[in-house]
Amino acid sequence: MTRTILITGATSGIGKACAIRFAKLNDRIIICGRRIERLRQMADNIRSTYNAEVFILSFDIKQRKSVEEAINSLPLEWKSIDILVNNAGLAVGLDPMQGGNINDWEEMIDTNIKGLLYISRMISPMMIDAGKGHIVNIGSIAGKEVYPKGNVYCATKFAVNALTKGMRLDLLEYGIKVSQVCPGATETEFSEVRFKGDKQVASQVYKGYEPLTAEDIAEAVIWVTGLPAHVNVNDLVIMPTAQAAAGHFNKKL
């Protein structure tokens, strides 16, 4: 059965990998992000390569009004969303709390917490009306353990962990699944964003061991969302073999 999947932060990394992986299953994909040209390229590639249906929504998830307008603009035939993948998120900066950049804090809070809430608030009533649905929140090992200079980023991912549990309780009576997938070190644009475009510094994060890839996490999301109706994965932590905990690696430098 063809499902309709909405993925936030779909222009790169885990979101993009999830879109491609769902397209391989011939699901219908709604890809969301700010970078419209990337979305268009992705849509063309998915349609031509996998012959899957794709719909583009370009908006800034930090802006509540933009989120509401984007979801309300969906054609009726695209509003029956089976799976919401809340992937949009980022880390910006790596400063101690006492020297932190408040603009960086606000960007992380607005994206990782408020953005997730805005989109979930729009989609969950649709799922309730349909009597089915699955919300998958992409968390992080940073939502389980705090590491030095991770302060606000970790706080936002701890919030995602709590919100996932709260959503599951609130949506229980409607038969809607809520899951969290928490990656460890995953080589995407994540570190480039954290270090504000400094690719040389970002590349050092993944040296000396084999990190996870976006495709590894996409496979986990596919598994979580492909289980029988009576089975839900509440929480999945997935790490590279060389990582035991946040900040603890077996590096061969």
C-alpha atoms as a PDB file:
ATOM      1  CA  MET A   1       0.000   0.000   0.000  1.00  0.00           C
ATOM      2  CA  THR A   2       1.362   3.400  -0.995  1.00  0.00           C
ATOM      3  CA  ARG A   3       1.787   5.744   1.950  1.00  0.00           C
ATOM      4  CA  THR A   4       2.162   9.529   2.099  1.00  0.00           C
ATOM      5  CA  ILE A   5       5.305  10.647   3.928  1.00  0.00           C
ATOM      6  CA  LEU A   6       6.136  14.217   5.007  1.00  0.00           C
ATOM      7  CA  ILE A   7       9.800  14.841   5.778  1.00  0.00           C
ATOM      8  CA  THR A   8      11.163  18.076   7.224  1.00  0.00           C
ATOM      9  CA  GLY A   9      14.747  19.138   6.617  1.00  0.00           C
ATOM     10  CA  ALA A  10      14.751  17.083   3.432  1.00  0.00           C
ATOM     11  CA  THR A  11      17.305  19.054   1.427  1.00  0.00           C
ATOM     12  CA  SER A  12      20.334  17.171   2.766  1.00  0.00           C
ATOM     13  CA  GLY A  13      21.613  14.521   5.128  1.00  0.00           C
ATOM     14  CA  ILE A  14      19.199  12.253   6.953  1.00  0.00           C
ATOM     15  CA  GLY A  15      16.087  13.931   5.553  1.00  0.00           C
ATOM     16  CA  LYS A  16      17.256  13.522   1.964  1.00  0.00           C
ATOM     17  CA  ALA A  17      18.299   9.913   2.571  1.00  0.00           C
ATOM     18  CA  CYS A  18      14.884   9.160   4.089  1.00  0.00           C
ATOM     19  CA  ALA A  19      13.098  10.691   1.088  1.00  0.00           C
ATOM     20  CA  ILE A  20      15.077   8.542  -1.338  1.00  0.00           C
ATOM     21  CA  ARG A  21      14.605   5.419   0.762  1.00  0.00           C
ATOM     22  CA  PHE A  22      10.824   5.893   0.988  1.00  0.00           C
ATOM     23  CA  ALA A  23      10.711   6.617  -2.754  1.00  0.00           C
ATOM     24  CA  LYS A  24      12.324   3.230  -3.386  1.00  0.00           C
ATOM     25  CA  LEU A  25       9.294   1.719  -1.671  1.00  0.00           C
ATOM     26  CA  ASN A  26       7.050   3.691  -4.054  1.00  0.00           C
ATOM     27  CA  ASP A  27       5.663   5.842  -1.259  1.00  0.00           C
ATOM     28  CA  ARG A  28       4.469   9.400  -1.986  1.00  0.00           C
ATOM     29  CA  ILE A  29       6.855  11.974  -0.556  1.00  0.00           C
ATOM     30  CA  ILE A  30       6.321  15.528   0.643  1.00  0.00           C
ATOM     31  CA  ILE A  31       9.792  17.061   0.909  1.00  0.00           C
ATOM     32  CA  CYS A  32      10.176  20.200   3.031  1.00  0.00           C
ATOM     33  CA  GLY A  33      12.982  22.690   3.455  1.00  0.00           C
ATOM     34  CA  ARG A  34      14.119  26.240   2.850  1.00  0.00           C
ATOM     35  CA  ARG A  35      16.358  25.647  -0.164  1.00  0.00           C
ATOM     36  CA  ILE A  36      13.872  25.527  -3.019  1.00  0.00           C
ATOM     37  CA  GLU A  37      16.413  24.726  -5.751  1.00  0.00           C
ATOM     38  CA  ARG A  38      17.632  21.683  -3.834  1.00  0.00           C
ATOM     39  CA  LEU A  39      14.044  20.562  -3.341  1.00  0.00           C
ATOM     40  CA  ARG A  40      13.354  20.891  -7.057  1.00  0.00           C
ATOM     41  CA  GLN A  41      16.468  18.926  -7.975  1.00  0.00           C
ATOM     42  CA  MET A  42      15.556  16.233  -5.465  1.00  0.00           C
ATOM     43  CA  ALA A  43      12.008  16.008  -6.758  1.00  0.00           C
ATOM     44  CA  ASP A  44      13.185  15.660 -10.373  1.00  0.00           C
ATOM     45  CA  ASN A  45      15.688  12.979  -9.379  1.00  0.00           C
ATOM     46  CA  ILE A  46      13.167  10.998  -7.340  1.00  0.00           C
ATOM     47  CA  ARG A  47      10.534  11.130 -10.068  1.00  0.00           C
ATOM     48  CA  SER A  48      12.930  10.097 -12.836  1.00  0.00           C
ATOM     49  CA  THR A  49      14.829   7.459 -10.852  1.00  0.00           C
ATOM     50  CA  TYR A  50      12.101   5.858  -8.752  1.00  0.00           C
ATOM     51  CA  ASN A  51       8.904   6.954 -10.518  1.00  0.00           C
ATOM     52  CA  ALA A  52       7.550   8.084  -7.141  1.00  0.00           C
ATOM     53  CA  GLU A  53       5.161  10.978  -6.558  1.00  0.00           C
ATOM     54  CA  VAL A  54       6.750  14.017  -4.924  1.00  0.00           C
ATOM     55  CA  PHE A  55       5.310  17.272  -3.608  1.00  0.00           C
ATOM     56  CA  ILE A  56       7.490  20.229  -2.606  1.00  0.00           C
ATOM     57  CA  LEU A  57       6.877  22.534   0.364  1.00  0.00           C
ATOM     58  CA  SER A  58       9.459  25.283   0.783  1.00  0.00           C
ATOM     59  CA  PHE A  59       9.223  27.166   4.081  1.00  0.00           C
ATOM     60  CA  ASP A  60      11.214  28.100   7.180  1.00  0.00           C
ATOM     61  CA  ILE A  61      10.211  25.752   9.972  1.00  0.00           C
ATOM     62  CA  LYS A  62      11.221  28.385  12.553  1.00  0.00           C
ATOM     63  CA  GLN A  63       8.373  30.619  11.391  1.00  0.00           C
ATOM     64  CA  ARG A  64       5.012  29.505  12.750  1.00  0.00           C
ATOM     65  CA  LYS A  65       2.965  31.375  10.146  1.00  0.00           C
ATOM     66  CA  SER A  66       5.055  29.905   7.310  1.00  0.00           C
ATOM     67  CA  VAL A  67       4.525  26.388   8.642  1.00  0.00           C
ATOM     68  CA  GLU A  68       0.775  26.903   8.915  1.00  0.00           C
ATOM     69  CA  GLU A  69       0.508  28.416   5.438  1.00  0.00           C
ATOM     70  CA  ALA A  70       2.588  25.635   3.894  1.00  0.00           C
ATOM     71  CA  ILE A  71       0.554  22.797   5.407  1.00  0.00           C
ATOM     72  CA  ASN A  72      -2.731  24.527   4.651  1.00  0.00           C
ATOM     73  CA  SER A  73      -1.627  24.901   1.019  1.00  0.00           C
ATOM     74  CA  LEU A  74      -1.401  21.138   0.507  1.00  0.00           C
ATOM     75  CA  PRO A  75      -3.906  19.868  -2.060  1.00  0.00           C
ATOM     76  CA  LEU A  76      -6.616  17.685  -0.545  1.00  0.00           C
ATOM     77  CA  GLU A  77      -5.149  14.525  -2.052  1.00  0.00           C
ATOM     78  CA  TRP A  78      -1.855  15.172  -0.200  1.00  0.00           C
ATOM     79  CA  LYS A  79      -3.372  15.903   3.213  1.00  0.00           C
ATOM     80  CA  SER A  80      -3.793  12.306   4.310  1.00  0.00           C
ATOM     81  CA  ILE A  81      -0.308  11.985   5.779  1.00  0.00           C
ATOM     82  CA  ASP A  82       0.606   8.541   7.054  1.00  0.00           C
ATOM     83  CA  ILE A  83       4.096   9.292   8.374  1.00  0.00           C
ATOM     84  CA  LEU A  84       5.660  12.532   9.614  1.00  0.00           C
ATOM     85  CA  VAL A  85       9.453  12.455   9.895  1.00  0.00           C
ATOM     86  CA  ASN A  86      10.491  15.386  12.095  1.00  0.00           C
ATOM     87  CA  ASN A  87      14.058  15.619  10.878  1.00  0.00           C
ATOM     88  CA  ALA A  88      14.720  19.374  10.656  1.00  0.00           C
ATOM     89  CA  GLY A  89      17.293  20.328  13.266  1.00  0.00           C
ATOM     90  CA  LEU A  90      20.782  21.680  13.734  1.00  0.00           C
ATOM     91  CA  ALA A  91      23.612  22.477  16.093  1.00  0.00           C
ATOM     92  CA  VAL A  92      25.245  25.900  15.843  1.00  0.00           C
ATOM     93  CA  GLY A  93      28.453  26.736  17.671  1.00  0.00           C
ATOM     94  CA  LEU A  94      30.382  24.831  20.310  1.00  0.00           C
ATOM     95  CA  ASP A  95      30.873  27.325  23.098  1.00  0.00           C
ATOM     96  CA  PRO A  96      30.723  27.035  26.878  1.00  0.00           C
ATOM     97  CA  MET A  97      27.451  28.344  28.277  1.00  0.00           C
ATOM     98  CA  GLN A  98      29.082  31.395  29.840  1.00  0.00           C
ATOM     99  CA  GLY A  99      30.476  32.425  26.452  1.00  0.00           C
ATOM    100  CA  GLY A 100      27.644  31.250  24.274  1.00  0.00           C
ATOM    101  CA  ASN A 101      26.264  33.141  21.307  1.00  0.00           C
ATOM    102  CA  ILE A 102      22.630  33.891  22.117  1.00  0.00           C
ATOM    103  CA  ASN A 103      21.716  34.089  18.436  1.00  0.00           C
ATOM    104  CA  ASP A 104      22.998  30.521  18.061  1.00  0.00           C
ATOM    105  CA  TRP A 105      20.923  29.454  21.064  1.00  0.00           C
ATOM    106  CA  GLU A 106      17.776  30.962  19.610  1.00  0.00           C
ATOM    107  CA  GLU A 107      18.319  29.357  16.221  1.00  0.00           C
ATOM    108  CA  MET A 108      18.673  25.913  17.821  1.00  0.00           C
ATOM    109  CA  ILE A 109      15.666  26.389  20.105  1.00  0.00           C
ATOM    110  CA  ASP A 110      13.511  27.794  17.300  1.00  0.00           C
ATOM    111  CA  THR A 111      14.409  24.999  14.886  1.00  0.00           C
ATOM    112  CA  ASN A 112      14.838  21.924  17.066  1.00  0.00           C
ATOM    113  CA  ILE A 113      11.989  22.511  19.521  1.00  0.00           C
ATOM    114  CA  LYS A 114       9.553  25.104  18.230  1.00  0.00           C
ATOM    115  CA  GLY A 115       9.790  23.979  14.607  1.00  0.00           C
ATOM    116  CA  LEU A 116       9.073  20.399  15.590  1.00  0.00           C
ATOM    117  CA  LEU A 117       6.099  21.586  17.616  1.00  0.00           C
ATOM    118  CA  TYR A 118       4.705  23.793  14.844  1.00  0.00           C
ATOM    119  CA  ILE A 119       4.688  21.034  12.234  1.00  0.00           C
ATOM    120  CA  SER A 120       3.468  18.362  14.657  1.00  0.00           C
ATOM    121  CA  ARG A 121       0.615  20.623  15.761  1.00  0.00           C
ATOM    122  CA  MET A 122      -0.494  20.927  12.124  1.00  0.00           C
ATOM    123  CA  ILE A 123      -0.152  17.269  11.150  1.00  0.00           C
ATOM    124  CA  SER A 124      -1.347  15.400  14.257  1.00  0.00           C
ATOM    125  CA  PRO A 125      -5.014  16.538  13.960  1.00  0.00           C
ATOM    126  CA  MET A 126      -5.007  15.258  10.367  1.00  0.00           C
ATOM    127  CA  MET A 127      -3.807  11.891  11.627  1.00  0.00           C
ATOM    128  CA  ILE A 128      -6.473  11.877  14.339  1.00  0.00           C
ATOM    129  CA  ASP A 129      -9.146  12.556  11.715  1.00  0.00           C
ATOM    130  CA  ALA A 130      -7.769   9.731   9.578  1.00  0.00           C
ATOM    131  CA  GLY A 131      -7.625   7.351  12.541  1.00  0.00           C
ATOM    132  CA  LYS A 132      -4.014   6.407  11.828  1.00  0.00           C
ATOM    133  CA  GLY A 133      -0.516   7.802  11.551  1.00  0.00           C
ATOM    134  CA  HIS A 134       3.069   7.596  12.700  1.00  0.00           C
ATOM    135  CA  ILE A 135       5.288  10.445  13.905  1.00  0.00           C
ATOM    136  CA  VAL A 136       9.032   9.794  13.890  1.00  0.00           C
ATOM    137  CA  ASN A 137      11.167  12.359  15.680  1.00  0.00           C
ATOM    138  CA  ILE A 138      14.857  12.398  14.835  1.00  0.00           C
ATOM    139  CA  GLY A 139      16.513  12.913  18.188  1.00  0.00           C
ATOM    140  CA  SER A 140      20.170  12.439  19.077  1.00  0.00           C
ATOM    141  CA  ILE A 141      22.531  10.822  21.516  1.00  0.00           C
ATOM    142  CA  ALA A 142      22.776  14.459  22.685  1.00  0.00           C
ATOM    143  CA  GLY A 143      19.235  14.031  23.976  1.00  0.00           C
ATOM    144  CA  LYS A 144      20.386  11.218  26.235  1.00  0.00           C
ATOM    145  CA  GLU A 145      23.786  12.467  27.446  1.00  0.00           C
ATOM    146  CA  VAL A 146      25.287  15.934  27.841  1.00  0.00           C
ATOM    147  CA  TYR A 147      28.813  16.604  26.635  1.00  0.00           C
ATOM    148  CA  PRO A 148      31.150  19.586  27.189  1.00  0.00           C
ATOM    149  CA  LYS A 149      30.070  22.710  25.278  1.00  0.00           C
ATOM    150  CA  GLY A 150      26.963  20.928  24.030  1.00  0.00           C
ATOM    151  CA  ASN A 151      24.775  22.789  26.554  1.00  0.00           C
ATOM    152  CA  VAL A 152      21.924  24.325  24.530  1.00  0.00           C
ATOM    153  CA  TYR A 153      22.031  21.828  21.659  1.00  0.00           C
ATOM    154  CA  CYS A 154      21.798  18.984  24.180  1.00  0.00           C
ATOM    155  CA  ALA A 155      18.958  20.802  25.934  1.00  0.00           C
ATOM    156  CA  THR A 156      16.995  21.003  22.678  1.00  0.00           C
ATOM    157  CA  LYS A 157      17.460  17.299  22.030  1.00  0.00           C
ATOM    158  CA  PHE A 158      16.493  16.444  25.607  1.00  0.00           C
ATOM    159  CA  ALA A 159      13.349  18.432  24.831  1.00  0.00           C
ATOM    160  CA  VAL A 160      12.736  16.312  21.725  1.00  0.00           C
ATOM    161  CA  ASN A 161      13.067  13.222  23.908  1.00  0.00           C
ATOM    162  CA  ALA A 162      10.472  14.586  26.357  1.00  0.00           C
ATOM    163  CA  LEU A 163       8.143  15.768  23.593  1.00  0.00           C
ATOM    164  CA  THR A 164       8.261  12.349  21.961  1.00  0.00           C
ATOM    165  CA  LYS A 165       7.099  10.759  25.208  1.00  0.00           C
ATOM    166  CA  GLY A 166       4.435  13.418  25.680  1.00  0.00           C
ATOM    167  CA  MET A 167       3.132  13.009  22.133  1.00  0.00           C
ATOM    168  CA  ARG A 168       2.920   9.257  22.592  1.00  0.00           C
ATOM    169  CA  LEU A 169       0.777   9.701  25.702  1.00  0.00           C
ATOM    170  CA  ASP A 170      -1.470  12.334  24.123  1.00  0.00           C
ATOM    171  CA  LEU A 171      -2.003  10.403  20.886  1.00  0.00           C
ATOM    172  CA  LEU A 172      -2.317   6.952  22.445  1.00  0.00           C
ATOM    173  CA  GLU A 173      -6.117   6.850  22.396  1.00  0.00           C
ATOM    174  CA  TYR A 174      -6.152   7.635  18.673  1.00  0.00           C
ATOM    175  CA  GLY A 175      -3.917   4.731  17.685  1.00  0.00           C
ATOM    176  CA  ILE A 176      -1.152   6.997  16.383  1.00  0.00           C
ATOM    177  CA  LYS A 177       2.397   5.731  16.758  1.00  0.00           C
ATOM    178  CA  VAL A 178       5.158   8.014  18.015  1.00  0.00           C
ATOM    179  CA  SER A 179       8.796   6.966  17.746  1.00  0.00           C
ATOM    180  CA  GLN A 180      12.197   8.527  18.274  1.00  0.00           C
ATOM    181  CA  VAL A 181      15.371   7.629  16.385  1.00  0.00           C
ATOM    182  CA  CYS A 182      18.521   8.912  18.100  1.00  0.00           C
ATOM    183  CA  PRO A 183      21.736   8.818  16.042  1.00  0.00           C
ATOM    184  CA  GLY A 184      25.231   9.057  17.373  1.00  0.00           C
ATOM    185  CA  ALA A 185      28.001  10.550  15.203  1.00  0.00           C
ATOM    186  CA  THR A 186      26.647  10.740  11.656  1.00  0.00           C
ATOM    187  CA  GLU A 187      28.634  12.302   8.828  1.00  0.00           C
ATOM    188  CA  THR A 188      26.333  14.815   7.123  1.00  0.00           C
ATOM    189  CA  GLU A 189      26.364  18.623   6.864  1.00  0.00           C
ATOM    190  CA  PHE A 190      25.779  18.653  10.640  1.00  0.00           C
ATOM    191  CA  SER A 191      29.341  19.574  11.651  1.00  0.00           C
ATOM    192  CA  GLU A 192      29.722  22.079   8.807  1.00  0.00           C
ATOM    193  CA  VAL A 193      26.673  23.890  10.140  1.00  0.00           C
ATOM    194  CA  ARG A 194      27.911  23.642  13.729  1.00  0.00           C
ATOM    195  CA  PHE A 195      31.249  25.184  12.736  1.00  0.00           C
ATOM    196  CA  LYS A 196      29.569  27.730  10.462  1.00  0.00           C
ATOM    197  CA  GLY A 197      30.947  26.504   7.175  1.00  0.00           C
ATOM    198  CA  ASP A 198      34.492  25.668   8.300  1.00  0.00           C
ATOM    199  CA  LYS A 199      34.874  22.380   6.413  1.00  0.00           C
ATOM    200  CA  GLN A 200      38.394  21.755   7.662  1.00  0.00           C
ATOM    201  CA  VAL A 201      37.363  21.859  11.319  1.00  0.00           C
ATOM    202  CA  ALA A 202      34.175  19.912  10.567  1.00  0.00           C
ATOM    203  CA  SER A 203      36.098  17.114   8.853  1.00  0.00           C
ATOM    204  CA  GLN A 204      38.161  16.507  12.000  1.00  0.00           C
ATOM    205  CA  VAL A 205      35.026  15.364  13.838  1.00  0.00           C
ATOM    206  CA  TYR A 206      34.897  12.182  11.772  1.00  0.00           C
ATOM    207  CA  LYS A 207      38.604  11.326  11.551  1.00  0.00           C
ATOM    208  CA  GLY A 208      40.017   8.107  12.959  1.00  0.00           C
ATOM    209  CA  TYR A 209      36.828   6.052  12.929  1.00  0.00           C
ATOM    210  CA  GLU A 210      33.913   5.161  10.681  1.00  0.00           C
ATOM    211  CA  PRO A 211      30.874   7.304  11.503  1.00  0.00           C
ATOM    212  CA  LEU A 212      27.296   6.523  10.645  1.00  0.00           C
ATOM    213  CA  THR A 213      25.930   7.747   7.329  1.00  0.00           C
ATOM    214  CA  ALA A 214      22.630   9.408   6.549  1.00  0.00           C
ATOM    215  CA  GLU A 215      21.663   6.198   4.762  1.00  0.00           C
ATOM    216  CA  ASP A 216      22.231   4.187   7.955  1.00  0.00           C
ATOM    217  CA  ILE A 217      19.709   6.355   9.785  1.00  0.00           C
ATOM    218  CA  ALA A 218      17.270   6.222   6.876  1.00  0.00           C
ATOM    219  CA  GLU A 219      17.362   2.421   7.057  1.00  0.00           C
ATOM    220  CA  ALA A 220      16.478   2.631  10.743  1.00  0.00           C
ATOM    221  CA  VAL A 221      13.545   4.947   9.974  1.00  0.00           C
ATOM    222  CA  ILE A 222      12.337   2.562   7.267  1.00  0.00           C
ATOM    223  CA  TRP A 223      12.449  -0.339   9.720  1.00  0.00           C
ATOM    224  CA  VAL A 224      10.655   1.587  12.477  1.00  0.00           C
ATOM    225  CA  THR A 225       7.872   2.660  10.105  1.00  0.00           C
ATOM    226  CA  GLY A 226       7.515  -0.723   8.429  1.00  0.00           C
ATOM    227  CA  LEU A 227       6.531  -2.823  11.426  1.00  0.00           C
ATOM    228  CA  PRO A 228       3.026  -4.278  11.916  1.00  0.00           C
ATOM    229  CA  ALA A 229       0.275  -1.970  13.146  1.00  0.00           C
ATOM    230  CA  HIS A 230       0.362  -3.389  16.677  1.00  0.00           C
ATOM    231  CA  VAL A 231       4.132  -2.841  17.065  1.00  0.00           C
ATOM    232  CA  ASN A 232       5.759   0.494  17.922  1.00  0.00           C
ATOM    233  CA  VAL A 233       9.429   1.267  18.504  1.00  0.00           C
ATOM    234  CA  ASN A 234       9.337   3.922  21.205  1.00  0.00           C
ATOM    235  CA  ASP A 235      13.012   4.812  21.191  1.00  0.00           C
ATOM    236  CA  LEU A 236      15.950   3.679  19.074  1.00  0.00           C
ATOM    237  CA  VAL A 237      19.540   4.748  19.776  1.00  0.00           C
ATOM    238  CA  ILE A 238      21.906   3.953  16.907  1.00  0.00           C
ATOM    239  CA  MET A 239      25.660   4.497  17.172  1.00  0.00           C
ATOM    240  CA  PRO A 240      28.825   3.823  15.195  1.00  0.00           C
ATOM    241  CA  THR A 241      30.655   0.769  16.513  1.00  0.00           C
ATOM    242  CA  ALA A 242      33.528   3.110  17.393  1.00  0.00           C
ATOM    243  CA  GLN A 243      31.333   5.279  19.639  1.00  0.00           C
ATOM    244  CA  ALA A 244      30.313   4.129  23.114  1.00  0.00           C
ATOM    245  CA  ALA A 245      28.682   7.340  24.340  1.00  0.00           C
ATOM    246  CA  ALA A 246      28.482  11.028  23.536  1.00  0.00           C
ATOM    247  CA  GLY A 247      32.087  12.181  23.148  1.00  0.00           C
ATOM    248  CA  HIS A 248      33.587   8.710  23.736  1.00  0.00           C
ATOM    249  CA  PHE A 249      35.228   7.229  20.632  1.00  0.00           C
ATOM    250  CA  ASN A 250      37.758   4.580  19.728  1.00  0.00           C
ATOM    251  CA  LYS A 251      39.728   6.626  17.234  1.00  0.00           C
ATOM    252  CA  LYS A 252      42.686   5.217  15.278  1.00  0.00           C
ATOM    253  CA  LEU A 253      44.604   8.383  14.412  1.00  0.00           C
END
